[in-house]
Protein backbone atom coordinates (compact mmCIF):
# COMPACT_ATOMS: atom_id res chain seq x y z
CA MET A 1 13.97 -0.99 -3.86
CA ALA A 2 11.96 -0.99 -0.66
CA THR A 3 10.01 -4.08 0.30
CA SER A 4 6.60 -4.18 1.95
CA VAL A 5 8.31 -5.06 5.23
CA ASP A 6 10.71 -2.10 4.91
CA LEU A 7 7.83 0.27 4.18
CA GLN A 8 5.79 -1.11 7.05
CA LYS A 9 8.67 -0.54 9.48
CA GLU A 10 9.58 2.91 8.23
CA TYR A 11 6.19 4.39 7.31
CA GLY A 12 3.58 2.18 8.96
CA VAL A 13 2.44 0.81 5.59
CA SER A 14 0.10 -2.08 6.27
CA GLY A 15 -2.15 -2.68 3.26
CA ASP A 16 -2.38 -5.90 1.26
CA PHE A 17 0.43 -5.00 -1.15
CA ILE A 18 1.37 -7.47 -3.85
CA LYS A 19 4.45 -5.65 -5.06
CA ILE A 20 6.22 -2.38 -4.33
CA LEU A 21 7.29 -0.97 -7.72
CA GLU A 22 9.14 2.18 -6.66
CA ALA A 23 10.74 3.27 -3.39
CA PRO A 24 9.16 6.19 -1.55
CA LYS A 25 9.84 9.73 -2.74
CA ASN A 26 7.93 12.95 -2.24
CA GLY A 27 5.63 11.26 0.28
CA THR A 28 4.38 8.49 -2.03
CA PHE A 29 5.42 5.09 -3.34
CA ARG A 30 4.19 3.17 -6.37
CA ALA A 31 2.76 -0.28 -5.77
CA ILE A 32 0.30 -2.89 -6.92
CA ARG A 33 -2.27 -3.64 -4.24
CA LYS A 34 -5.35 -5.76 -3.69
CA ASP A 35 -8.53 -4.07 -2.50
CA THR A 36 -12.27 -4.72 -2.45
CA CYS A 37 -14.24 -3.86 -5.59
CA TYR A 38 -16.68 -1.01 -5.04
CA ASN A 39 -19.23 -2.68 -7.37
CA CYS A 40 -19.31 -6.37 -6.54
CA GLY A 41 -17.14 -6.84 -3.44
CA GLY A 42 -14.67 -8.95 -5.43
CA THR A 43 -10.92 -8.51 -5.76
CA MET A 44 -9.79 -5.17 -7.18
CA ILE A 45 -6.14 -4.89 -8.27
CA ILE A 46 -4.80 -1.34 -8.10
CA ASP A 47 -1.62 0.00 -9.71
CA GLY A 48 -1.03 3.44 -8.28
CA TYR A 49 0.77 5.75 -5.92
CA PHE A 50 0.11 5.37 -2.20
CA ALA A 51 0.92 7.76 0.64
CA THR A 52 3.64 7.22 3.21
CA GLY A 53 1.80 9.54 5.60
CA GLU A 54 4.19 12.44 5.01
CA LYS A 55 3.02 15.90 4.03
CA LEU A 56 2.87 16.25 0.23
CA ALA A 57 4.15 19.24 -1.77
CA SER A 58 0.52 20.38 -2.12
CA GLY A 59 0.33 20.78 1.67
CA TYR A 60 -2.06 17.83 2.09
CA THR A 61 -1.10 15.07 4.55
CA PRO A 62 -2.78 11.82 3.47
CA ALA A 63 -3.13 8.81 5.73
CA PRO A 64 -0.52 6.07 5.28
CA ASP A 65 -1.52 3.70 2.45
CA GLU A 66 -4.07 6.20 1.06
CA LEU A 67 -4.37 5.95 -2.72
CA VAL A 68 -3.04 9.30 -3.93
CA LYS A 69 -2.96 8.63 -7.68
CA ASN A 70 -4.60 5.77 -9.53
CA ASN A 71 -2.85 4.55 -12.68
CA VAL A 72 -5.27 1.69 -13.30
CA MET A 73 -7.56 -0.47 -11.19
CA GLU A 74 -9.42 -3.55 -12.38
CA CYS A 75 -11.78 -6.01 -10.69
CA LYS A 76 -10.87 -9.60 -11.48
CA ASP A 77 -14.46 -10.68 -10.69
CA CYS A 78 -16.85 -8.26 -12.44
CA GLY A 79 -14.41 -6.63 -14.89
CA ASP A 80 -15.01 -3.04 -13.65
CA TRP A 81 -11.97 -0.88 -14.32
CA GLN A 82 -10.83 2.71 -14.00
CA VAL A 83 -7.82 4.64 -15.26
CA SER A 84 -6.58 8.14 -14.69
């Protein structure tokens, strides 16, 4: 399994990742990441698929670390959450 350091070296991944859950494949990797809550500015925890910066099968080339698919995100401060 790739580590944050491995991903940073190979793909330029630089976000505040807590844990990489799956190694990159098809231009994405699954991880849990901290971000800023859109509602309150608190700490949002995101479990999802993030881009490596490679072109995806759809033809779209997302920026490295871009959230491509959200599984679940939840703010630990205000309780806001989203799933897809």
